[in-house]
Amino acid sequence: MELKEQFNYLVEVARKMGYRVFIDSILSPGGDCRVYENKYIIINKKLPVRMQVKLLKEILAQRIDENTFLEPRARKLLGVE
């Protein structure tokens, strides 16, 4: 799977996990936050796609628990069993 495909797939996984994903020009690489009941992931659009994918993987892998259902393809991509 190409990096751009991985990125788009991970954005879809994030949305299924309840996140709103924004890609914008910001001063930091990005991250996630919660405002009341809303969950957000913000990614710096100036980062190379490789770094955007890495950032998304790190964020999503940290937020998975035993109650989170992910298809096997997503779990493999995130390195979570």
Protein backbone atom coordinates (compact mmCIF):
# COMPACT_ATOMS: atom_id res chain seq x y z
CA MET A 1 0.00 0.00 0.00
CA GLU A 2 1.40 3.41 -0.97
CA LEU A 3 1.93 6.07 1.69
CA LYS A 4 -0.93 8.27 0.46
CA GLU A 5 -3.25 5.24 0.50
CA GLN A 6 -2.11 4.42 4.04
CA PHE A 7 -2.73 8.00 5.10
CA ASN A 8 -6.25 8.06 3.63
CA TYR A 9 -7.03 4.68 5.19
CA LEU A 10 -5.79 5.80 8.61
CA VAL A 11 -7.89 8.97 8.39
CA GLU A 12 -10.92 6.76 7.75
CA VAL A 13 -9.97 4.54 10.72
CA ALA A 14 -9.66 7.66 12.90
CA ARG A 15 -13.12 8.81 11.81
CA LYS A 16 -14.57 5.40 12.65
CA MET A 17 -12.97 5.78 16.10
CA GLY A 18 -14.89 9.03 16.55
CA TYR A 19 -12.22 11.58 15.63
CA ARG A 20 -12.62 14.62 13.43
CA VAL A 21 -9.43 14.92 11.39
CA PHE A 22 -8.04 18.26 10.21
CA ILE A 23 -5.05 18.74 7.94
CA ASP A 24 -3.88 22.34 8.16
CA SER A 25 -0.83 24.60 8.35
CA ILE A 26 0.18 24.70 12.01
CA LEU A 27 3.41 25.33 13.88
CA SER A 28 3.76 21.84 15.34
CA PRO A 29 3.66 18.44 13.63
CA GLY A 30 0.20 17.85 15.08
CA GLY A 31 -1.52 15.72 17.65
CA ASP A 32 -4.85 14.86 19.16
CA CYS A 33 -7.08 16.52 21.71
CA ARG A 34 -10.49 16.29 23.24
CA VAL A 35 -12.88 19.21 23.73
CA TYR A 36 -15.80 18.10 25.87
CA GLU A 37 -17.09 14.99 24.05
CA ASN A 38 -15.45 15.85 20.71
CA LYS A 39 -12.19 14.17 19.68
CA TYR A 40 -9.86 15.83 17.19
CA ILE A 41 -6.67 14.97 15.33
CA ILE A 42 -4.82 17.86 13.72
CA ILE A 43 -1.96 17.21 11.30
CA ASN A 44 0.42 19.72 9.77
CA LYS A 45 -0.14 19.59 6.01
CA LYS A 46 3.44 20.72 5.38
CA LEU A 47 4.84 17.47 6.80
CA PRO A 48 5.92 14.81 4.32
CA VAL A 49 3.26 12.11 3.88
CA ARG A 50 5.60 9.61 5.55
CA MET A 51 5.60 11.73 8.73
CA GLN A 52 1.83 12.27 8.55
CA VAL A 53 1.32 8.49 8.40
CA LYS A 54 3.73 7.97 11.32
CA LEU A 55 1.94 10.59 13.43
CA LEU A 56 -1.49 9.07 12.72
CA LYS A 57 -0.23 5.57 13.55
CA GLU A 58 1.21 6.74 16.87
CA ILE A 59 -1.95 8.60 17.87
CA LEU A 60 -4.34 5.80 16.93
CA ALA A 61 -2.22 3.01 18.44
CA GLN A 62 -2.22 4.85 21.79
CA ARG A 63 -6.00 5.22 21.79
CA ILE A 64 -6.96 1.61 21.10
CA ASP A 65 -8.31 -0.42 23.99
CA GLU A 66 -10.03 -3.79 24.34
CA ASN A 67 -13.40 -2.20 23.48
CA THR A 68 -12.17 -0.73 20.19
CA PHE A 69 -13.14 -2.82 17.18
CA LEU A 70 -10.79 -2.50 14.23
CA GLU A 71 -10.64 -4.71 11.19
CA PRO A 72 -7.52 -6.90 11.02
CA ARG A 73 -6.01 -4.76 8.24
CA ALA A 74 -6.11 -1.68 10.50
CA ARG A 75 -4.69 -3.55 13.50
CA LYS A 76 -1.81 -4.85 11.38
CA LEU A 77 -1.06 -1.40 9.98
CA LEU A 78 -1.04 0.08 13.49
CA GLY A 79 1.04 -2.78 14.89
CA VAL A 80 -1.65 -3.68 17.43
CA GLU A 81 -2.91 -7.22 17.99
